[in-house]
Amino acid sequence: MINSKSQTADIRWVVSSYSNDHGGDCVEVALAGTPGIAVRDTKDRTGGTARVSAQAWTAFLGAATTGGFAPADAS
């Protein structure tokens, strides 16, 4: 987890295409050197930032786009 503004000052963030002016659960991502991808909450840009490897990010996107995550148990 990255919390320092100095660690993210030079990163070019890209807002999710699903973000809008109505709130919601949106993220921003950026290429961030090693380990590869930085992710943060669009609604809390000063909060923590997570970094994951490019391989982990690719696996996450693959699972997210193919329904690889089971829905939360509603019971």
Protein backbone atom coordinates (compact mmCIF):
# COMPACT_ATOMS: atom_id res chain seq x y z
CA MET A 1 0.00 0.00 0.00
CA ILE A 2 1.26 3.44 -0.90
CA ASN A 3 0.11 6.35 1.19
CA SER A 4 2.62 9.07 0.41
CA LYS A 5 1.70 11.75 -2.13
CA SER A 6 5.36 11.86 -3.15
CA GLN A 7 5.14 8.21 -4.21
CA THR A 8 2.24 8.92 -6.56
CA ALA A 9 2.99 12.49 -7.69
CA ASP A 10 4.45 11.50 -11.07
CA ILE A 11 1.83 8.88 -11.91
CA ARG A 12 -0.65 9.56 -14.73
CA TRP A 13 -4.00 8.26 -13.49
CA VAL A 14 -6.78 7.04 -15.78
CA VAL A 15 -10.36 7.11 -14.51
CA SER A 16 -12.54 4.08 -15.19
CA SER A 17 -14.90 4.48 -18.13
CA TYR A 18 -17.66 3.41 -15.72
CA SER A 19 -17.11 6.49 -13.53
CA ASN A 20 -19.72 9.22 -13.64
CA ASP A 21 -20.97 12.20 -11.67
CA HIS A 22 -23.39 10.08 -9.64
CA GLY A 23 -20.86 8.51 -7.27
CA GLY A 24 -20.62 4.76 -7.46
CA ASP A 25 -17.79 2.37 -6.95
CA CYS A 26 -15.11 3.54 -9.37
CA VAL A 27 -11.37 3.22 -9.50
CA GLU A 28 -8.44 4.88 -11.20
CA VAL A 29 -5.49 2.94 -12.54
CA ALA A 30 -2.01 3.90 -13.67
CA LEU A 31 1.19 2.37 -14.95
CA ALA A 32 3.51 2.72 -12.00
CA GLY A 33 6.87 1.11 -12.74
CA THR A 34 7.60 -1.84 -10.50
CA PRO A 35 5.50 -3.75 -9.64
CA GLY A 36 3.40 -2.41 -12.49
CA ILE A 37 -0.14 -1.16 -11.83
CA ALA A 38 -1.39 1.32 -9.23
CA VAL A 39 -5.07 1.38 -8.23
CA ARG A 40 -6.97 3.89 -6.10
CA ASP A 41 -10.55 4.85 -5.25
CA THR A 42 -11.83 7.71 -7.41
CA LYS A 43 -13.87 9.08 -4.49
CA ASP A 44 -10.87 9.11 -2.12
CA ARG A 45 -7.80 10.07 -4.12
CA THR A 46 -5.85 10.94 -0.98
CA GLY A 47 -6.52 7.53 0.55
CA GLY A 48 -4.35 4.50 0.11
CA THR A 49 -3.09 3.29 -3.24
CA ALA A 50 -2.51 -0.36 -3.99
CA ARG A 51 0.12 -1.62 -6.43
CA VAL A 52 -0.04 -4.99 -8.13
CA SER A 53 2.03 -6.71 -10.79
CA ALA A 54 0.97 -6.46 -14.42
CA GLN A 55 0.32 -10.21 -14.36
CA ALA A 56 -1.99 -9.91 -11.33
CA TRP A 57 -3.87 -7.02 -12.96
CA THR A 58 -4.31 -8.98 -16.20
CA ALA A 59 -5.66 -11.97 -14.24
CA PHE A 60 -8.07 -9.72 -12.31
CA LEU A 61 -9.39 -8.10 -15.50
CA GLY A 62 -9.82 -11.50 -17.12
CA ALA A 63 -11.84 -12.79 -14.18
CA ALA A 64 -13.90 -9.60 -13.97
CA THR A 65 -14.84 -9.64 -17.64
CA THR A 66 -15.68 -13.35 -17.83
CA GLY A 67 -17.77 -13.59 -14.67
CA GLY A 68 -15.01 -15.25 -12.69
CA PHE A 69 -16.12 -13.73 -9.40
CA ALA A 70 -19.00 -15.33 -7.56
CA PRO A 71 -21.69 -12.93 -6.32
CA ALA A 72 -21.76 -12.20 -2.62
CA ASP A 73 -23.94 -14.55 -0.60
CA ALA A 74 -27.26 -12.77 -0.08
CA SER A 75 -28.29 -14.92 2.90
